[in-house]
N, C-alpha and C. Protein backbone atom coordinates (compact mmCIF):
# COMPACT_ATOMS: atom_id res chain seq x y z
N MET A 1 15.19 6.89 -14.23
CA MET A 1 14.75 7.90 -15.17
C MET A 1 14.19 9.07 -14.38
N PRO A 2 14.70 10.25 -14.62
CA PRO A 2 14.19 11.42 -13.90
C PRO A 2 12.79 11.79 -14.37
N ARG A 3 11.91 12.00 -13.40
CA ARG A 3 10.53 12.38 -13.70
C ARG A 3 10.30 13.78 -13.16
N PHE A 4 9.61 14.58 -13.95
CA PHE A 4 9.35 15.96 -13.57
C PHE A 4 7.85 16.22 -13.61
N ARG A 5 7.38 17.12 -12.73
CA ARG A 5 5.97 17.50 -12.68
C ARG A 5 5.90 19.02 -12.56
N CYS A 6 4.92 19.59 -13.24
CA CYS A 6 4.73 21.04 -13.21
C CYS A 6 3.92 21.40 -11.95
N PRO A 7 4.40 22.34 -11.12
CA PRO A 7 3.64 22.72 -9.93
C PRO A 7 2.40 23.54 -10.26
N GLU A 8 2.36 24.21 -11.40
CA GLU A 8 1.20 25.02 -11.80
C GLU A 8 0.12 24.17 -12.46
N CYS A 9 0.49 23.26 -13.35
CA CYS A 9 -0.46 22.37 -14.02
C CYS A 9 -0.55 21.10 -13.17
N CYS A 10 -1.23 21.16 -12.05
CA CYS A 10 -1.16 20.12 -11.01
C CYS A 10 -1.71 18.77 -11.48
N CYS A 11 -2.63 18.73 -12.39
CA CYS A 11 -3.29 17.47 -12.74
C CYS A 11 -2.62 16.72 -13.88
N GLY A 12 -1.58 17.26 -14.43
CA GLY A 12 -0.91 16.60 -15.54
C GLY A 12 -0.08 15.43 -15.08
N PRO A 13 0.22 14.51 -15.98
CA PRO A 13 1.05 13.36 -15.61
C PRO A 13 2.51 13.76 -15.43
N ALA A 14 3.27 12.90 -14.80
CA ALA A 14 4.70 13.13 -14.67
C ALA A 14 5.36 12.94 -16.02
N ILE A 15 6.27 13.83 -16.35
CA ILE A 15 6.95 13.80 -17.64
C ILE A 15 8.34 13.21 -17.42
N VAL A 16 8.70 12.25 -18.23
CA VAL A 16 10.03 11.66 -18.13
C VAL A 16 10.93 12.40 -19.10
N LEU A 17 11.94 13.05 -18.55
CA LEU A 17 12.86 13.84 -19.37
C LEU A 17 14.30 13.45 -19.04
N ARG A 18 15.17 13.67 -19.99
CA ARG A 18 16.60 13.52 -19.77
C ARG A 18 17.28 14.82 -20.22
N PRO A 19 17.13 15.86 -19.40
CA PRO A 19 17.75 17.13 -19.81
C PRO A 19 19.27 17.05 -19.67
N PRO A 20 19.99 17.82 -20.51
CA PRO A 20 21.45 17.85 -20.36
C PRO A 20 21.83 18.50 -19.03
N ARG A 21 23.05 18.23 -18.58
CA ARG A 21 23.51 18.78 -17.30
C ARG A 21 23.46 20.30 -17.34
N GLY A 22 22.91 20.88 -16.26
CA GLY A 22 22.84 22.34 -16.15
C GLY A 22 21.60 22.94 -16.78
N ALA A 23 20.84 22.16 -17.57
CA ALA A 23 19.63 22.68 -18.21
C ALA A 23 18.47 22.62 -17.22
N THR A 24 17.59 23.61 -17.29
CA THR A 24 16.41 23.65 -16.44
C THR A 24 15.19 23.27 -17.26
N PRO A 25 14.51 22.18 -16.90
CA PRO A 25 13.31 21.80 -17.67
C PRO A 25 12.17 22.77 -17.39
N ILE A 26 11.46 23.15 -18.44
CA ILE A 26 10.37 24.12 -18.36
C ILE A 26 9.11 23.49 -18.94
N CYS A 27 7.96 23.77 -18.31
CA CYS A 27 6.67 23.24 -18.76
C CYS A 27 6.33 23.83 -20.13
N SER A 28 5.87 22.98 -21.04
CA SER A 28 5.54 23.46 -22.38
C SER A 28 4.20 24.19 -22.41
N ARG A 29 3.32 23.96 -21.40
CA ARG A 29 2.02 24.63 -21.38
C ARG A 29 2.08 26.02 -20.77
N CYS A 30 2.72 26.11 -19.58
CA CYS A 30 2.65 27.40 -18.88
C CYS A 30 4.00 28.08 -18.71
N GLY A 31 5.10 27.41 -19.00
CA GLY A 31 6.42 28.03 -18.91
C GLY A 31 7.03 28.01 -17.52
N THR A 32 6.44 27.29 -16.59
CA THR A 32 6.97 27.21 -15.23
C THR A 32 8.08 26.17 -15.16
N VAL A 33 9.04 26.39 -14.27
CA VAL A 33 10.13 25.43 -14.08
C VAL A 33 9.54 24.16 -13.45
N LEU A 34 9.89 23.01 -14.02
CA LEU A 34 9.38 21.74 -13.53
C LEU A 34 10.10 21.30 -12.26
N ASP A 35 9.35 20.67 -11.34
CA ASP A 35 9.93 20.11 -10.12
C ASP A 35 10.28 18.65 -10.37
N LYS A 36 11.44 18.24 -9.84
CA LYS A 36 11.84 16.85 -9.97
C LYS A 36 11.04 16.01 -8.99
N GLN A 37 10.49 14.92 -9.48
CA GLN A 37 9.66 14.03 -8.65
C GLN A 37 10.45 12.75 -8.40
N PRO A 38 10.51 12.31 -7.14
CA PRO A 38 11.24 11.06 -6.87
C PRO A 38 10.51 9.86 -7.45
N LEU A 39 11.26 8.82 -7.75
CA LEU A 39 10.68 7.61 -8.32
C LEU A 39 9.73 6.95 -7.33
N VAL A 40 10.14 6.88 -6.07
CA VAL A 40 9.30 6.32 -5.01
C VAL A 40 9.16 7.39 -3.94
N ARG A 41 7.92 7.78 -3.66
CA ARG A 41 7.70 8.78 -2.63
C ARG A 41 7.88 8.14 -1.26
N PRO A 42 8.55 8.82 -0.33
CA PRO A 42 8.91 8.17 0.94
C PRO A 42 7.73 7.92 1.87
N ILE A 43 6.74 8.80 1.96
CA ILE A 43 5.66 8.62 2.94
C ILE A 43 4.77 7.43 2.57
N PRO A 44 4.28 7.28 1.33
CA PRO A 44 3.51 6.07 1.03
C PRO A 44 4.32 4.79 1.21
N LEU A 45 5.60 4.84 0.95
CA LEU A 45 6.44 3.66 1.15
C LEU A 45 6.53 3.30 2.63
N LEU A 46 6.68 4.30 3.50
CA LEU A 46 6.72 4.04 4.94
C LEU A 46 5.38 3.50 5.44
N VAL A 47 4.28 4.02 4.93
CA VAL A 47 2.96 3.52 5.33
C VAL A 47 2.79 2.06 4.90
N LEU A 48 3.20 1.75 3.68
CA LEU A 48 3.11 0.37 3.19
C LEU A 48 3.95 -0.57 4.05
N LEU A 49 5.16 -0.16 4.39
CA LEU A 49 6.01 -1.01 5.23
C LEU A 49 5.43 -1.17 6.64
N ALA A 50 4.86 -0.11 7.21
CA ALA A 50 4.29 -0.20 8.56
C ALA A 50 3.07 -1.12 8.59
N VAL A 51 2.19 -0.98 7.61
CA VAL A 51 0.99 -1.82 7.57
C VAL A 51 1.38 -3.27 7.30
N GLY A 52 2.28 -3.50 6.40
CA GLY A 52 2.71 -4.86 6.09
C GLY A 52 3.38 -5.53 7.28
N SER A 53 4.24 -4.81 7.99
CA SER A 53 4.89 -5.42 9.15
C SER A 53 3.90 -5.65 10.27
N ALA A 54 2.89 -4.79 10.43
CA ALA A 54 1.87 -5.02 11.46
C ALA A 54 1.05 -6.28 11.13
N LEU A 55 0.70 -6.46 9.87
CA LEU A 55 -0.06 -7.65 9.48
C LEU A 55 0.76 -8.93 9.68
N VAL A 56 2.02 -8.88 9.35
CA VAL A 56 2.88 -10.05 9.54
C VAL A 56 3.04 -10.34 11.04
N ALA A 57 3.23 -9.29 11.84
CA ALA A 57 3.40 -9.49 13.28
C ALA A 57 2.13 -10.06 13.91
N LEU A 58 0.97 -9.69 13.41
CA LEU A 58 -0.27 -10.22 13.96
C LEU A 58 -0.54 -11.66 13.52
N SER A 59 0.00 -12.06 12.38
CA SER A 59 -0.28 -13.41 11.89
C SER A 59 0.73 -14.44 12.40
N VAL A 60 1.86 -14.03 12.93
CA VAL A 60 2.88 -14.98 13.41
C VAL A 60 2.36 -15.85 14.55
N PRO A 61 1.69 -15.31 15.58
CA PRO A 61 1.18 -16.21 16.63
C PRO A 61 0.17 -17.23 16.11
N ALA A 62 -0.63 -16.87 15.15
CA ALA A 62 -1.61 -17.80 14.61
C ALA A 62 -0.93 -18.93 13.83
N LEU A 63 0.22 -18.67 13.26
CA LEU A 63 0.92 -19.70 12.50
C LEU A 63 1.58 -20.73 13.40
N PHE A 64 2.05 -20.31 14.58
CA PHE A 64 2.80 -21.21 15.44
C PHE A 64 1.99 -21.81 16.59
N SER A 65 0.76 -21.41 16.77
CA SER A 65 -0.05 -22.00 17.84
C SER A 65 -0.78 -23.23 17.29
N PRO A 66 -0.91 -24.28 18.11
CA PRO A 66 -1.60 -25.48 17.63
C PRO A 66 -3.10 -25.21 17.51
N PRO A 67 -3.75 -25.91 16.60
CA PRO A 67 -5.20 -25.70 16.46
C PRO A 67 -5.92 -26.26 17.68
N PRO A 68 -7.06 -25.68 18.06
CA PRO A 68 -7.79 -26.19 19.22
C PRO A 68 -8.34 -27.58 18.92
N PRO A 69 -8.40 -28.44 19.96
CA PRO A 69 -8.94 -29.79 19.73
C PRO A 69 -10.43 -29.72 19.43
N PRO A 70 -10.93 -30.65 18.64
CA PRO A 70 -12.36 -30.62 18.34
C PRO A 70 -13.17 -30.94 19.59
N GLY A 71 -14.29 -30.28 19.74
CA GLY A 71 -15.14 -30.50 20.90
C GLY A 71 -15.90 -31.81 20.79
N PRO A 72 -16.30 -32.39 21.92
CA PRO A 72 -17.05 -33.65 21.87
C PRO A 72 -18.47 -33.41 21.36
N LEU A 73 -19.01 -34.42 20.69
CA LEU A 73 -20.37 -34.33 20.21
C LEU A 73 -21.32 -34.61 21.37
N GLN A 74 -22.33 -33.78 21.50
CA GLN A 74 -23.28 -33.94 22.59
C GLN A 74 -24.58 -34.51 22.06
N PRO A 75 -25.04 -35.66 22.59
CA PRO A 75 -26.33 -36.20 22.14
C PRO A 75 -27.46 -35.34 22.69
N GLY A 76 -28.50 -35.21 21.93
CA GLY A 76 -29.64 -34.41 22.36
C GLY A 76 -29.39 -32.92 22.24
N GLY A 77 -28.40 -32.60 21.52
CA GLY A 77 -28.07 -31.18 21.33
C GLY A 77 -28.98 -30.54 20.30
N ARG A 78 -28.47 -29.62 19.62
CA ARG A 78 -29.24 -28.92 18.62
C ARG A 78 -29.62 -29.85 17.47
N GLY A 79 -30.80 -29.71 16.96
CA GLY A 79 -31.25 -30.52 15.83
C GLY A 79 -32.09 -31.70 16.23
N SER A 80 -32.09 -32.11 17.51
CA SER A 80 -32.93 -33.24 17.90
C SER A 80 -34.31 -32.74 18.32
N GLN A 81 -35.31 -33.52 18.06
CA GLN A 81 -36.70 -33.16 18.38
C GLN A 81 -37.08 -33.84 19.68
N ALA A 82 -36.95 -33.18 20.77
CA ALA A 82 -37.34 -33.74 22.06
C ALA A 82 -38.71 -33.18 22.43
N SER A 83 -39.66 -34.08 22.77
CA SER A 83 -41.00 -33.61 23.16
C SER A 83 -41.06 -33.51 24.68
N ALA A 84 -41.69 -32.46 25.15
CA ALA A 84 -41.77 -32.25 26.59
C ALA A 84 -43.06 -32.72 27.16
C-alpha cells in the first residue's frame, strides 16, 4: 500500500492513498505535493540487522563452550566462626 507524507505538515501521520496512475497526491491541509514514503525505511532496517547479528555473533561462543566445573568446597571458608 503506498503511503504518503506531507513535507510541510511534518508531524502528521502517513496517509495511505491509492491515487490513479499519473495523478499527483496533494495535502488537504496545505496544498503541498505529498512525498511517497517507503514501507520499510532502509537505515533503521540496517541498524536492526547490524545489532541483531552482533548479538548473535557474541552469544555463539557461549552456547558452544562447556560450563566451568564447580569449584571444590573449602572447609573453614566464609561463614565459619574461627576464634583467634
